[in-house]
């Protein structure tokens, strides 16, 4: 079965719109108010829920694609995760040797997604 862009766009795009709104609301609430630590953590973690739904949309779409697309996507995920892991690992060792700015852990998932996207483009080009 081929990629069903309408369904995927609706679910993934919807999750990203909700994520954006929740992010703005959560960060605004945390900036403007004082909360108990447990409440503050719950508010700070609230953007994770729409991201989990986006992950679900990706998995549903992945399962509905043919073997070729699954192979390319699987390899792209491996490249994205591997490059992110080794990059942050190497950066951590470099931090031990010299003074470098710390990288927020919040940036690891976006980095992995970016590298996955670049990897999937390169893999599709090389395999077609």
PDB file of N, CA and C in Angstrom:
ATOM      1  N   UNK A   1       0.852  -1.185   0.000  1.00  0.00           N
ATOM      2  CA  UNK A   1       0.000   0.000   0.000  1.00  0.00           C
ATOM      3  C   UNK A   1       0.890   1.237   0.000  1.00  0.00           C
ATOM      4  N   UNK A   2       0.500   2.250  -0.700  1.00  0.00           N
ATOM      5  CA  UNK A   2       1.283   3.479  -0.805  1.00  0.00           C
ATOM      6  C   UNK A   2       0.964   4.440   0.342  1.00  0.00           C
ATOM      7  N   UNK A   3       1.793   5.434   0.445  1.00  0.00           N
ATOM      8  CA  UNK A   3       1.644   6.473   1.454  1.00  0.00           C
ATOM      9  C   UNK A   3       0.300   7.177   1.299  1.00  0.00           C
ATOM     10  N   UNK A   4      -0.477   7.249   2.384  1.00  0.00           N
ATOM     11  CA  UNK A   4      -1.795   7.900   2.363  1.00  0.00           C
ATOM     12  C   UNK A   4      -1.630   9.303   2.942  1.00  0.00           C
ATOM     13  N   UNK A   5      -1.288  10.254   2.080  1.00  0.00           N
ATOM     14  CA  UNK A   5      -0.917  11.575   2.565  1.00  0.00           C
ATOM     15  C   UNK A   5      -2.067  12.338   3.216  1.00  0.00           C
ATOM     16  N   UNK A   6      -3.300  12.127   2.756  1.00  0.00           N
ATOM     17  CA  UNK A   6      -4.426  12.859   3.361  1.00  0.00           C
ATOM     18  C   UNK A   6      -4.622  12.467   4.819  1.00  0.00           C
ATOM     19  N   UNK A   7      -4.675  11.180   5.075  1.00  0.00           N
ATOM     20  CA  UNK A   7      -4.877  10.711   6.450  1.00  0.00           C
ATOM     21  C   UNK A   7      -3.705  11.125   7.340  1.00  0.00           C
ATOM     22  N   UNK A   8      -2.495  10.902   6.841  1.00  0.00           N
ATOM     23  CA  UNK A   8      -1.305  11.236   7.621  1.00  0.00           C
ATOM     24  C   UNK A   8      -1.238  12.739   7.895  1.00  0.00           C
ATOM     25  N   UNK A   9      -1.481  13.538   6.874  1.00  0.00           N
ATOM     26  CA  UNK A   9      -1.447  14.997   7.040  1.00  0.00           C
ATOM     27  C   UNK A   9      -2.486  15.456   8.046  1.00  0.00           C
ATOM     28  N   UNK A  10      -3.667  14.873   7.987  1.00  0.00           N
ATOM     29  CA  UNK A  10      -4.735  15.256   8.916  1.00  0.00           C
ATOM     30  C   UNK A  10      -4.339  14.938  10.359  1.00  0.00           C
ATOM     31  N   UNK A  11      -3.853  13.729  10.592  1.00  0.00           N
ATOM     32  CA  UNK A  11      -3.523  13.331  11.964  1.00  0.00           C
ATOM     33  C   UNK A  11      -2.223  13.973  12.460  1.00  0.00           C
ATOM     34  N   UNK A  12      -1.169  13.887  11.643  1.00  0.00           N
ATOM     35  CA  UNK A  12       0.110  14.450  12.049  1.00  0.00           C
ATOM     36  C   UNK A  12       0.032  15.973  12.112  1.00  0.00           C
ATOM     37  N   UNK A  13      -0.553  16.583  11.080  1.00  0.00           N
ATOM     38  CA  UNK A  13      -0.699  18.037  11.066  1.00  0.00           C
ATOM     39  C   UNK A  13      -1.555  18.541  12.216  1.00  0.00           C
ATOM     40  N   UNK A  14      -2.622  17.817  12.503  1.00  0.00           N
ATOM     41  CA  UNK A  14      -3.472  18.185  13.643  1.00  0.00           C
ATOM     42  C   UNK A  14      -2.709  18.111  14.951  1.00  0.00           C
ATOM     43  N   UNK A  15      -1.918  17.060  15.104  1.00  0.00           N
ATOM     44  CA  UNK A  15      -1.115  16.912  16.320  1.00  0.00           C
ATOM     45  C   UNK A  15      -0.119  18.059  16.455  1.00  0.00           C
ATOM     46  N   UNK A  16       0.469  18.483  15.339  1.00  0.00           N
ATOM     47  CA  UNK A  16       1.442  19.580  15.378  1.00  0.00           C
ATOM     48  C   UNK A  16       0.775  20.916  15.702  1.00  0.00           C
ATOM     49  N   UNK A  17      -0.448  21.114  15.205  1.00  0.00           N
ATOM     50  CA  UNK A  17      -1.174  22.346  15.542  1.00  0.00           C
ATOM     51  C   UNK A  17      -1.510  22.368  17.032  1.00  0.00           C
ATOM     52  N   UNK A  18      -1.987  21.233  17.558  1.00  0.00           N
ATOM     53  CA  UNK A  18      -2.297  21.156  18.990  1.00  0.00           C
ATOM     54  C   UNK A  18      -1.019  21.340  19.803  1.00  0.00           C
ATOM     55  N   UNK A  19       0.072  20.710  19.361  1.00  0.00           N
ATOM     56  CA  UNK A  19       1.363  20.849  20.041  1.00  0.00           C
ATOM     57  C   UNK A  19       1.769  22.321  20.129  1.00  0.00           C
ATOM     58  N   UNK A  20       1.655  23.027  19.017  1.00  0.00           N
ATOM     59  CA  UNK A  20       2.031  24.448  18.998  1.00  0.00           C
ATOM     60  C   UNK A  20       1.200  25.251  19.988  1.00  0.00           C
ATOM     61  N   UNK A  21      -0.102  25.020  19.978  1.00  0.00           N
ATOM     62  CA  UNK A  21      -0.992  25.745  20.892  1.00  0.00           C
ATOM     63  C   UNK A  21      -0.692  25.399  22.350  1.00  0.00           C
ATOM     64  N   UNK A  22      -0.500  24.125  22.632  1.00  0.00           N
ATOM     65  CA  UNK A  22      -0.217  23.705  24.014  1.00  0.00           C
ATOM     66  C   UNK A  22       1.128  24.254  24.468  1.00  0.00           C
ATOM     67  N   UNK A  23       2.109  24.257  23.577  1.00  0.00           N
ATOM     68  CA  UNK A  23       3.435  24.796  23.912  1.00  0.00           C
ATOM     69  C   UNK A  23       3.330  26.267  24.310  1.00  0.00           C
ATOM     70  N   UNK A  24       2.647  27.033  23.489  1.00  0.00           N
ATOM     71  CA  UNK A  24       2.495  28.466  23.766  1.00  0.00           C
ATOM     72  C   UNK A  24       1.745  28.677  25.083  1.00  0.00           C
ATOM     73  N   UNK A  25       0.658  27.931  25.263  1.00  0.00           N
ATOM     74  CA  UNK A  25      -0.132  28.080  26.495  1.00  0.00           C
ATOM     75  C   UNK A  25       0.663  27.664  27.724  1.00  0.00           C
ATOM     76  N   UNK A  26       1.373  26.553  27.635  1.00  0.00           N
ATOM     77  CA  UNK A  26       2.138  26.055  28.785  1.00  0.00           C
ATOM     78  C   UNK A  26       3.265  27.007  29.149  1.00  0.00           C
ATOM     79  N   UNK A  27       4.012  27.458  28.159  1.00  0.00           N
ATOM     80  CA  UNK A  27       5.132  28.353  28.457  1.00  0.00           C
ATOM     81  C   UNK A  27       4.636  29.702  28.970  1.00  0.00           C
ATOM     82  N   UNK A  28       3.516  30.183  28.435  1.00  0.00           N
ATOM     83  CA  UNK A  28       2.935  31.440  28.936  1.00  0.00           C
ATOM     84  C   UNK A  28       2.490  31.287  30.379  1.00  0.00           C
ATOM     85  N   UNK A  29       1.839  30.173  30.669  1.00  0.00           N
ATOM     86  CA  UNK A  29       1.374  29.931  32.041  1.00  0.00           C
ATOM     87  C   UNK A  29       2.545  29.848  33.010  1.00  0.00           C
ATOM     88  N   UNK A  30       3.602  29.160  32.605  1.00  0.00           N
ATOM     89  CA  UNK A  30       4.759  29.022  33.487  1.00  0.00           C
ATOM     90  C   UNK A  30       5.498  30.347  33.679  1.00  0.00           C
ATOM     91  N   UNK A  31       5.512  31.186  32.649  1.00  0.00           N
ATOM     92  CA  UNK A  31       6.183  32.486  32.756  1.00  0.00           C
ATOM     93  C   UNK A  31       5.418  33.473  33.634  1.00  0.00           C
ATOM     94  N   UNK A  32       4.095  33.369  33.626  1.00  0.00           N
ATOM     95  CA  UNK A  32       3.269  34.376  34.299  1.00  0.00           C
ATOM     96  C   UNK A  32       2.844  33.998  35.712  1.00  0.00           C
ATOM     97  N   UNK A  33       2.996  32.738  36.091  1.00  0.00           N
ATOM     98  CA  UNK A  33       2.473  32.290  37.372  1.00  0.00           C
ATOM     99  C   UNK A  33       3.502  31.473  38.141  1.00  0.00           C
ATOM    100  N   UNK A  34       3.277  31.411  39.448  1.00  0.00           N
ATOM    101  CA  UNK A  34       4.051  30.528  40.314  1.00  0.00           C
ATOM    102  C   UNK A  34       3.193  29.308  40.612  1.00  0.00           C
ATOM    103  N   UNK A  35       3.713  28.129  40.377  1.00  0.00           N
ATOM    104  CA  UNK A  35       2.985  26.899  40.630  1.00  0.00           C
ATOM    105  C   UNK A  35       3.765  26.027  41.593  1.00  0.00           C
ATOM    106  N   UNK A  36       3.036  25.138  42.244  1.00  0.00           N
ATOM    107  CA  UNK A  36       3.699  24.095  43.027  1.00  0.00           C
ATOM    108  C   UNK A  36       4.568  23.291  42.062  1.00  0.00           C
ATOM    109  N   UNK A  37       5.681  22.743  42.535  1.00  0.00           N
ATOM    110  CA  UNK A  37       6.590  22.032  41.625  1.00  0.00           C
ATOM    111  C   UNK A  37       5.918  20.925  40.808  1.00  0.00           C
ATOM    112  N   UNK A  38       5.060  20.143  41.417  1.00  0.00           N
ATOM    113  CA  UNK A  38       4.400  19.050  40.704  1.00  0.00           C
ATOM    114  C   UNK A  38       3.488  19.582  39.595  1.00  0.00           C
ATOM    115  N   UNK A  39       2.772  20.656  39.887  1.00  0.00           N
ATOM    116  CA  UNK A  39       1.891  21.277  38.889  1.00  0.00           C
ATOM    117  C   UNK A  39       2.739  21.880  37.758  1.00  0.00           C
ATOM    118  N   UNK A  40       3.835  22.536  38.121  1.00  0.00           N
ATOM    119  CA  UNK A  40       4.711  23.141  37.112  1.00  0.00           C
ATOM    120  C   UNK A  40       5.277  22.079  36.171  1.00  0.00           C
ATOM    121  N   UNK A  41       5.667  20.941  36.711  1.00  0.00           N
ATOM    122  CA  UNK A  41       6.191  19.856  35.873  1.00  0.00           C
ATOM    123  C   UNK A  41       5.092  19.323  34.959  1.00  0.00           C
ATOM    124  N   UNK A  42       3.889  19.159  35.486  1.00  0.00           N
ATOM    125  CA  UNK A  42       2.772  18.678  34.660  1.00  0.00           C
ATOM    126  C   UNK A  42       2.488  19.644  33.509  1.00  0.00           C
ATOM    127  N   UNK A  43       2.510  20.933  33.800  1.00  0.00           N
ATOM    128  CA  UNK A  43       2.280  21.938  32.750  1.00  0.00           C
ATOM    129  C   UNK A  43       3.422  21.897  31.741  1.00  0.00           C
ATOM    130  N   UNK A  44       4.658  21.805  32.224  1.00  0.00           N
ATOM    131  CA  UNK A  44       5.812  21.769  31.323  1.00  0.00           C
ATOM    132  C   UNK A  44       5.793  20.532  30.426  1.00  0.00           C
ATOM    133  N   UNK A  45       5.265  19.426  30.925  1.00  0.00           N
ATOM    134  CA  UNK A  45       5.207  18.182  30.150  1.00  0.00           C
ATOM    135  C   UNK A  45       3.989  18.083  29.242  1.00  0.00           C
ATOM    136  N   UNK A  46       3.045  18.994  29.377  1.00  0.00           N
ATOM    137  CA  UNK A  46       1.816  18.901  28.582  1.00  0.00           C
ATOM    138  C   UNK A  46       2.038  18.889  27.067  1.00  0.00           C
ATOM    139  N   UNK A  47       3.059  19.547  26.505  1.00  0.00           N
ATOM    140  CA  UNK A  47       3.274  19.450  25.052  1.00  0.00           C
ATOM    141  C   UNK A  47       3.687  18.059  24.572  1.00  0.00           C
ATOM    142  N   UNK A  48       4.074  17.201  25.489  1.00  0.00           N
ATOM    143  CA  UNK A  48       4.491  15.849  25.100  1.00  0.00           C
ATOM    144  C   UNK A  48       3.299  15.033  24.590  1.00  0.00           C
ATOM    145  N   UNK A  49       2.117  15.275  25.123  1.00  0.00           N
ATOM    146  CA  UNK A  49       0.944  14.485  24.721  1.00  0.00           C
ATOM    147  C   UNK A  49       0.627  14.592  23.232  1.00  0.00           C
ATOM    148  N   UNK A  50       0.556  15.793  22.647  1.00  0.00           N
ATOM    149  CA  UNK A  50       0.314  15.844  21.203  1.00  0.00           C
ATOM    150  C   UNK A  50       1.457  15.237  20.385  1.00  0.00           C
ATOM    151  N   UNK A  51       2.690  15.289  20.908  1.00  0.00           N
ATOM    152  CA  UNK A  51       3.817  14.672  20.206  1.00  0.00           C
ATOM    153  C   UNK A  51       3.660  13.156  20.206  1.00  0.00           C
ATOM    154  N   UNK A  52       3.139  12.603  21.289  1.00  0.00           N
ATOM    155  CA  UNK A  52       2.872  11.161  21.313  1.00  0.00           C
ATOM    156  C   UNK A  52       1.810  10.785  20.286  1.00  0.00           C
ATOM    157  N   UNK A  53       0.822  11.644  20.101  1.00  0.00           N
ATOM    158  CA  UNK A  53      -0.191  11.384  19.070  1.00  0.00           C
ATOM    159  C   UNK A  53       0.429  11.479  17.671  1.00  0.00           C
ATOM    160  N   UNK A  54       1.350  12.421  17.479  1.00  0.00           N
ATOM    161  CA  UNK A  54       2.051  12.527  16.193  1.00  0.00           C
ATOM    162  C   UNK A  54       2.870  11.265  15.935  1.00  0.00           C
ATOM    163  N   UNK A  55       3.502  10.738  16.974  1.00  0.00           N
ATOM    164  CA  UNK A  55       4.244   9.478  16.843  1.00  0.00           C
ATOM    165  C   UNK A  55       3.305   8.352  16.443  1.00  0.00           C
ATOM    166  N   UNK A  56       2.139   8.318  17.056  1.00  0.00           N
ATOM    167  CA  UNK A  56       1.144   7.301  16.701  1.00  0.00           C
ATOM    168  C   UNK A  56       0.737   7.427  15.234  1.00  0.00           C
ATOM    169  N   UNK A  57       0.529   8.659  14.762  1.00  0.00           N
ATOM    170  CA  UNK A  57       0.172   8.886  13.361  1.00  0.00           C
ATOM    171  C   UNK A  57       1.285   8.381  12.444  1.00  0.00           C
ATOM    172  N   UNK A  58       2.533   8.620  12.829  1.00  0.00           N
ATOM    173  CA  UNK A  58       3.662   8.147  12.032  1.00  0.00           C
ATOM    174  C   UNK A  58       3.690   6.616  11.991  1.00  0.00           C
ATOM    175  N   UNK A  59       3.490   5.980  13.141  1.00  0.00           N
ATOM    176  CA  UNK A  59       3.527   4.514  13.200  1.00  0.00           C
ATOM    177  C   UNK A  59       2.392   3.911  12.375  1.00  0.00           C
ATOM    178  N   UNK A  60       1.196   4.469  12.470  1.00  0.00           N
ATOM    179  CA  UNK A  60       0.061   3.972  11.675  1.00  0.00           C
ATOM    180  C   UNK A  60       0.390   4.093  10.186  1.00  0.00           C
ATOM    181  N   UNK A  61       0.943   5.226   9.789  1.00  0.00           N
ATOM    182  CA  UNK A  61       1.301   5.420   8.378  1.00  0.00           C
ATOM    183  C   UNK A  61       2.417   4.479   7.957  1.00  0.00           C
ATOM    184  N   UNK A  62       3.406   4.307   8.815  1.00  0.00           N
ATOM    185  CA  UNK A  62       4.521   3.394   8.522  1.00  0.00           C
ATOM    186  C   UNK A  62       4.005   1.978   8.270  1.00  0.00           C
ATOM    187  N   UNK A  63       3.101   1.525   9.127  1.00  0.00           N
ATOM    188  CA  UNK A  63       2.562   0.166   8.993  1.00  0.00           C
ATOM    189  C   UNK A  63       1.722  -0.015   7.731  1.00  0.00           C
ATOM    190  N   UNK A  64       1.190   1.069   7.196  1.00  0.00           N
ATOM    191  CA  UNK A  64       0.326   0.963   6.016  1.00  0.00           C
ATOM    192  C   UNK A  64       1.107   1.056   4.704  1.00  0.00           C
ATOM    193  N   UNK A  65       2.400   1.322   4.778  1.00  0.00           N
ATOM    194  CA  UNK A  65       3.190   1.455   3.554  1.00  0.00           C
ATOM    195  C   UNK A  65       3.750   0.108   3.117  1.00  0.00           C
ATOM    196  N   UNK A  66       4.239   0.065   1.880  1.00  0.00           N
ATOM    197  CA  UNK A  66       4.803  -1.180   1.347  1.00  0.00           C
ATOM    198  C   UNK A  66       6.206  -1.427   1.915  1.00  0.00           C
ATOM    199  N   UNK A  67       6.765  -2.586   1.573  1.00  0.00           N
ATOM    200  CA  UNK A  67       8.050  -2.990   2.143  1.00  0.00           C
ATOM    201  C   UNK A  67       9.189  -2.052   1.758  1.00  0.00           C
ATOM    202  N   UNK A  68       9.164  -1.543   0.545  1.00  0.00           N
ATOM    203  CA  UNK A  68      10.221  -0.617   0.116  1.00  0.00           C
ATOM    204  C   UNK A  68      10.233   0.631   0.992  1.00  0.00           C
ATOM    205  N   UNK A  69       9.065   1.241   1.175  1.00  0.00           N
ATOM    206  CA  UNK A  69       8.989   2.457   1.994  1.00  0.00           C
ATOM    207  C   UNK A  69       9.342   2.155   3.450  1.00  0.00           C
ATOM    208  N   UNK A  70       8.906   1.013   3.949  1.00  0.00           N
ATOM    209  CA  UNK A  70       9.258   0.636   5.318  1.00  0.00           C
ATOM    210  C   UNK A  70      10.764   0.469   5.471  1.00  0.00           C
ATOM    211  N   UNK A  71      11.383  -0.122   4.461  1.00  0.00           N
ATOM    212  CA  UNK A  71      12.838  -0.320   4.505  1.00  0.00           C
ATOM    213  C   UNK A  71      13.558   1.026   4.535  1.00  0.00           C
ATOM    214  N   UNK A  72      13.155   1.922   3.645  1.00  0.00           N
ATOM    215  CA  UNK A  72      13.792   3.240   3.590  1.00  0.00           C
ATOM    216  C   UNK A  72      13.573   3.991   4.902  1.00  0.00           C
ATOM    217  N   UNK A  73      12.343   3.996   5.392  1.00  0.00           N
ATOM    218  CA  UNK A  73      12.042   4.716   6.633  1.00  0.00           C
ATOM    219  C   UNK A  73      12.777   4.114   7.827  1.00  0.00           C
ATOM    220  N   UNK A  74      12.851   2.793   7.883  1.00  0.00           N
ATOM    221  CA  UNK A  74      13.575   2.138   8.978  1.00  0.00           C
ATOM    222  C   UNK A  74      15.046   2.522   8.963  1.00  0.00           C
ATOM    223  N   UNK A  75      15.659   2.483   7.778  1.00  0.00           N
ATOM    224  CA  UNK A  75      17.071   2.853   7.693  1.00  0.00           C
ATOM    225  C   UNK A  75      17.273   4.328   8.020  1.00  0.00           C
ATOM    226  N   UNK A  76      16.349   5.173   7.590  1.00  0.00           N
ATOM    227  CA  UNK A  76      16.453   6.610   7.892  1.00  0.00           C
ATOM    228  C   UNK A  76      16.347   6.852   9.399  1.00  0.00           C
ATOM    229  N   UNK A  77      15.485   6.104  10.067  1.00  0.00           N
ATOM    230  CA  UNK A  77      15.368   6.229  11.527  1.00  0.00           C
ATOM    231  C   UNK A  77      16.664   5.797  12.198  1.00  0.00           C
ATOM    232  N   UNK A  78      17.251   4.709  11.706  1.00  0.00           N
ATOM    233  CA  UNK A  78      18.524   4.241  12.261  1.00  0.00           C
ATOM    234  C   UNK A  78      19.606   5.306  12.077  1.00  0.00           C
ATOM    235  N   UNK A  79      19.687   5.885  10.869  1.00  0.00           N
ATOM    236  CA  UNK A  79      20.666   6.938  10.621  1.00  0.00           C
ATOM    237  C   UNK A  79      20.408   8.152  11.516  1.00  0.00           C
ATOM    238  N   UNK A  80      19.157   8.578  11.607  1.00  0.00           N
ATOM    239  CA  UNK A  80      18.829   9.741  12.430  1.00  0.00           C
ATOM    240  C   UNK A  80      19.168   9.527  13.894  1.00  0.00           C
ATOM    241  N   UNK A  81      18.778   8.377  14.427  1.00  0.00           N
ATOM    242  CA  UNK A  81      19.063   8.073  15.833  1.00  0.00           C
ATOM    243  C   UNK A  81      20.556   7.879  16.055  1.00  0.00           C
ATOM    244  N   UNK A  82      21.197   7.171  15.136  1.00  0.00           N
ATOM    245  CA  UNK A  82      22.632   6.916  15.281  1.00  0.00           C
ATOM    246  C   UNK A  82      23.461   8.184  15.223  1.00  0.00           C
ATOM    247  N   UNK A  83      23.185   9.025  14.231  1.00  0.00           N
ATOM    248  CA  UNK A  83      23.940  10.274  14.123  1.00  0.00           C
ATOM    249  C   UNK A  83      23.687  11.191  15.314  1.00  0.00           C
ATOM    250  N   UNK A  84      22.440  11.227  15.782  1.00  0.00           N
ATOM    251  CA  UNK A  84      22.130  12.040  16.963  1.00  0.00           C
ATOM    252  C   UNK A  84      22.852  11.490  18.187  1.00  0.00           C
ATOM    253  N   UNK A  85      22.765  10.178  18.380  1.00  0.00           N
ATOM    254  CA  UNK A  85      23.420   9.559  19.532  1.00  0.00           C
ATOM    255  C   UNK A  85      24.922   9.759  19.528  1.00  0.00           C
ATOM    256  N   UNK A  86      25.553   9.456  18.407  1.00  0.00           N
ATOM    257  CA  UNK A  86      27.002   9.606  18.342  1.00  0.00           C
ATOM    258  C   UNK A  86      27.425  11.068  18.371  1.00  0.00           C
ATOM    259  N   UNK A  87      26.628  11.935  17.774  1.00  0.00           N
ATOM    260  CA  UNK A  87      26.947  13.363  17.821  1.00  0.00           C
ATOM    261  C   UNK A  87      26.904  13.918  19.233  1.00  0.00           C
ATOM    262  N   UNK A  88      25.861  13.579  19.975  1.00  0.00           N
ATOM    263  CA  UNK A  88      25.766  14.067  21.356  1.00  0.00           C
ATOM    264  C   UNK A  88      26.806  13.394  22.250  1.00  0.00           C
ATOM    265  N   UNK A  89      27.120  12.139  21.961  1.00  0.00           N
ATOM    266  CA  UNK A  89      28.156  11.402  22.698  1.00  0.00           C
ATOM    267  C   UNK A  89      29.512  12.083  22.495  1.00  0.00           C
ATOM    268  N   UNK A  90      29.845  12.375  21.243  1.00  0.00           N
ATOM    269  CA  UNK A  90      31.115  13.033  20.932  1.00  0.00           C
ATOM    270  C   UNK A  90      31.162  14.435  21.550  1.00  0.00           C
ATOM    271  N   UNK A  91      30.047  15.159  21.471  1.00  0.00           N
ATOM    272  CA  UNK A  91      29.995  16.500  22.042  1.00  0.00           C
ATOM    273  C   UNK A  91      30.235  16.441  23.560  1.00  0.00           C
ATOM    274  N   UNK A  92      29.668  15.427  24.203  1.00  0.00           N
ATOM    275  CA  UNK A  92      29.881  15.260  25.644  1.00  0.00           C
ATOM    276  C   UNK A  92      31.344  15.047  25.989  1.00  0.00           C
ATOM    277  N   UNK A  93      32.053  14.246  25.187  1.00  0.00           N
ATOM    278  CA  UNK A  93      33.482  14.063  25.423  1.00  0.00           C
ATOM    279  C   UNK A  93      34.245  15.356  25.166  1.00  0.00           C
ATOM    280  N   UNK A  94      33.858  16.100  24.125  1.00  0.00           N
ATOM    281  CA  UNK A  94      34.514  17.373  23.839  1.00  0.00           C
ATOM    282  C   UNK A  94      34.299  18.359  24.990  1.00  0.00           C
ATOM    283  N   UNK A  95      33.113  18.308  25.610  1.00  0.00           N
ATOM    284  CA  UNK A  95      32.837  19.178  26.766  1.00  0.00           C
ATOM    285  C   UNK A  95      33.772  18.896  27.932  1.00  0.00           C
ATOM    286  N   UNK A  96      34.222  17.640  28.041  1.00  0.00           N
ATOM    287  CA  UNK A  96      35.160  17.295  29.107  1.00  0.00           C
ATOM    288  C   UNK A  96      36.527  17.919  28.878  1.00  0.00           C
ATOM    289  N   UNK A  97      36.876  18.133  27.622  1.00  0.00           N
ATOM    290  CA  UNK A  97      38.208  18.638  27.287  1.00  0.00           C
ATOM    291  C   UNK A  97      38.276  20.159  27.256  1.00  0.00           C
ATOM    292  N   UNK A  98      37.239  20.793  26.736  1.00  0.00           N
ATOM    293  CA  UNK A  98      37.244  22.255  26.621  1.00  0.00           C
ATOM    294  C   UNK A  98      35.887  22.803  27.026  1.00  0.00           C
ATOM    295  N   UNK A  99      35.860  24.095  27.283  1.00  0.00           N
ATOM    296  CA  UNK A  99      34.603  24.747  27.665  1.00  0.00           C
ATOM    297  C   UNK A  99      33.747  24.947  26.422  1.00  0.00           C
ATOM    298  N   UNK A 100      32.601  24.294  26.396  1.00  0.00           N
ATOM    299  CA  UNK A 100      31.643  24.416  25.300  1.00  0.00           C
ATOM    300  C   UNK A 100      30.286  24.754  25.875  1.00  0.00           C
ATOM    301  N   UNK A 101      29.435  25.420  25.094  1.00  0.00           N
ATOM    302  CA  UNK A 101      28.074  25.659  25.595  1.00  0.00           C
ATOM    303  C   UNK A 101      27.330  24.324  25.719  1.00  0.00           C
ATOM    304  N   UNK A 102      26.552  24.189  26.758  1.00  0.00           N
ATOM    305  CA  UNK A 102      25.804  22.946  26.922  1.00  0.00           C
ATOM    306  C   UNK A 102      24.623  22.925  25.947  1.00  0.00           C
ATOM    307  N   UNK A 103      24.306  21.730  25.487  1.00  0.00           N
ATOM    308  CA  UNK A 103      23.193  21.553  24.559  1.00  0.00           C
ATOM    309  C   UNK A 103      21.991  21.087  25.375  1.00  0.00           C
ATOM    310  N   UNK A 104      20.876  21.816  25.310  1.00  0.00           N
ATOM    311  CA  UNK A 104      19.698  21.395  26.072  1.00  0.00           C
ATOM    312  C   UNK A 104      19.176  20.045  25.568  1.00  0.00           C
ATOM    313  N   UNK A 105      18.795  19.180  26.480  1.00  0.00           N
ATOM    314  CA  UNK A 105      18.255  17.880  26.085  1.00  0.00           C
ATOM    315  C   UNK A 105      16.970  18.032  25.281  1.00  0.00           C
ATOM    316  N   UNK A 106      16.311  19.163  25.413  1.00  0.00           N
ATOM    317  CA  UNK A 106      15.102  19.446  24.648  1.00  0.00           C
ATOM    318  C   UNK A 106      15.372  19.430  23.144  1.00  0.00           C
ATOM    319  N   UNK A 107      16.621  19.624  22.750  1.00  0.00           N
ATOM    320  CA  UNK A 107      16.974  19.698  21.335  1.00  0.00           C
ATOM    321  C   UNK A 107      17.292  18.325  20.721  1.00  0.00           C
ATOM    322  N   UNK A 108      17.364  17.281  21.515  1.00  0.00           N
ATOM    323  CA  UNK A 108      17.754  15.967  20.992  1.00  0.00           C
ATOM    324  C   UNK A 108      16.702  15.400  20.044  1.00  0.00           C
ATOM    325  N   UNK A 109      15.436  15.404  20.415  1.00  0.00           N
ATOM    326  CA  UNK A 109      14.399  14.865  19.531  1.00  0.00           C
ATOM    327  C   UNK A 109      14.288  15.661  18.227  1.00  0.00           C
ATOM    328  N   UNK A 110      14.252  17.004  18.277  1.00  0.00           N
ATOM    329  CA  UNK A 110      14.225  17.727  16.999  1.00  0.00           C
ATOM    330  C   UNK A 110      15.445  17.424  16.125  1.00  0.00           C
ATOM    331  N   UNK A 111      16.625  17.255  16.746  1.00  0.00           N
ATOM    332  CA  UNK A 111      17.822  16.916  15.991  1.00  0.00           C
ATOM    333  C   UNK A 111      17.661  15.546  15.327  1.00  0.00           C
ATOM    334  N   UNK A 112      17.121  14.596  16.067  1.00  0.00           N
ATOM    335  CA  UNK A 112      16.910  13.260  15.531  1.00  0.00           C
ATOM    336  C   UNK A 112      15.911  13.281  14.373  1.00  0.00           C
ATOM    337  N   UNK A 113      14.842  14.040  14.522  1.00  0.00           N
ATOM    338  CA  UNK A 113      13.829  14.142  13.469  1.00  0.00           C
ATOM    339  C   UNK A 113      14.421  14.814  12.224  1.00  0.00           C
ATOM    340  N   UNK A 114      15.205  15.867  12.419  1.00  0.00           N
ATOM    341  CA  UNK A 114      15.851  16.533  11.290  1.00  0.00           C
ATOM    342  C   UNK A 114      16.779  15.570  10.553  1.00  0.00           C
ATOM    343  N   UNK A 115      17.608  14.850  11.294  1.00  0.00           N
ATOM    344  CA  UNK A 115      18.543  13.912  10.661  1.00  0.00           C
ATOM    345  C   UNK A 115      17.808  12.739  10.012  1.00  0.00           C
ATOM    346  N   UNK A 116      16.702  12.321  10.601  1.00  0.00           N
ATOM    347  CA  UNK A 116      15.857  11.293   9.974  1.00  0.00           C
ATOM    348  C   UNK A 116      15.328  11.798   8.636  1.00  0.00           C
ATOM    349  N   UNK A 117      14.839  13.034   8.614  1.00  0.00           N
ATOM    350  CA  UNK A 117      14.299  13.605   7.380  1.00  0.00           C
ATOM    351  C   UNK A 117      15.343  13.719   6.288  1.00  0.00           C
ATOM    352  N   UNK A 118      16.517  14.224   6.634  1.00  0.00           N
ATOM    353  CA  UNK A 118      17.599  14.337   5.657  1.00  0.00           C
ATOM    354  C   UNK A 118      18.012  12.946   5.180  1.00  0.00           C
ATOM    355  N   UNK A 119      18.111  12.001   6.100  1.00  0.00           N
ATOM    356  CA  UNK A 119      18.487  10.630   5.735  1.00  0.00           C
ATOM    357  C   UNK A 119      17.468   9.997   4.808  1.00  0.00           C
ATOM    358  N   UNK A 120      16.184  10.207   5.078  1.00  0.00           N
ATOM    359  CA  UNK A 120      15.170   9.600   4.217  1.00  0.00           C
ATOM    360  C   UNK A 120      15.226  10.184   2.808  1.00  0.00           C
ATOM    361  N   UNK A 121      15.458  11.472   2.677  1.00  0.00           N
ATOM    362  CA  UNK A 121      15.593  12.090   1.348  1.00  0.00           C
ATOM    363  C   UNK A 121      16.788  11.484   0.608  1.00  0.00           C
ATOM    364  N   UNK A 122      17.929  11.397   1.294  1.00  0.00           N
ATOM    365  CA  UNK A 122      19.127  10.848   0.653  1.00  0.00           C
ATOM    366  C   UNK A 122      18.943   9.376   0.286  1.00  0.00           C
ATOM    367  N   UNK A 123      18.293   8.614   1.146  1.00  0.00           N
ATOM    368  CA  UNK A 123      18.068   7.196   0.864  1.00  0.00           C
ATOM    369  C   UNK A 123      17.120   7.004  -0.316  1.00  0.00           C
ATOM    370  N   UNK A 124      16.031   7.770  -0.360  1.00  0.00           N
ATOM    371  CA  UNK A 124      15.113   7.661  -1.497  1.00  0.00           C
ATOM    372  C   UNK A 124      15.826   7.999  -2.805  1.00  0.00           C
ATOM    373  N   UNK A 125      16.673   9.016  -2.772  1.00  0.00           N
ATOM    374  CA  UNK A 125      17.415   9.389  -3.982  1.00  0.00           C
ATOM    375  C   UNK A 125      18.384   8.290  -4.402  1.00  0.00           C
ATOM    376  N   UNK A 126      19.036   7.671  -3.431  1.00  0.00           N
ATOM    377  CA  UNK A 126      20.041   6.659  -3.778  1.00  0.00           C
ATOM    378  C   UNK A 126      19.417   5.326  -4.190  1.00  0.00           C
ATOM    379  N   UNK A 127      18.205   5.044  -3.739  1.00  0.00           N
ATOM    380  CA  UNK A 127      17.588   3.742  -4.018  1.00  0.00           C
ATOM    381  C   UNK A 127      16.638   3.752  -5.206  1.00  0.00           C
ATOM    382  N   UNK A 128      16.281   4.911  -5.707  1.00  0.00           N
ATOM    383  CA  UNK A 128      15.342   4.959  -6.849  1.00  0.00           C
ATOM    384  C   UNK A 128      16.074   5.001  -8.153  1.00  0.00           C
TER     385      UNK A 128
END
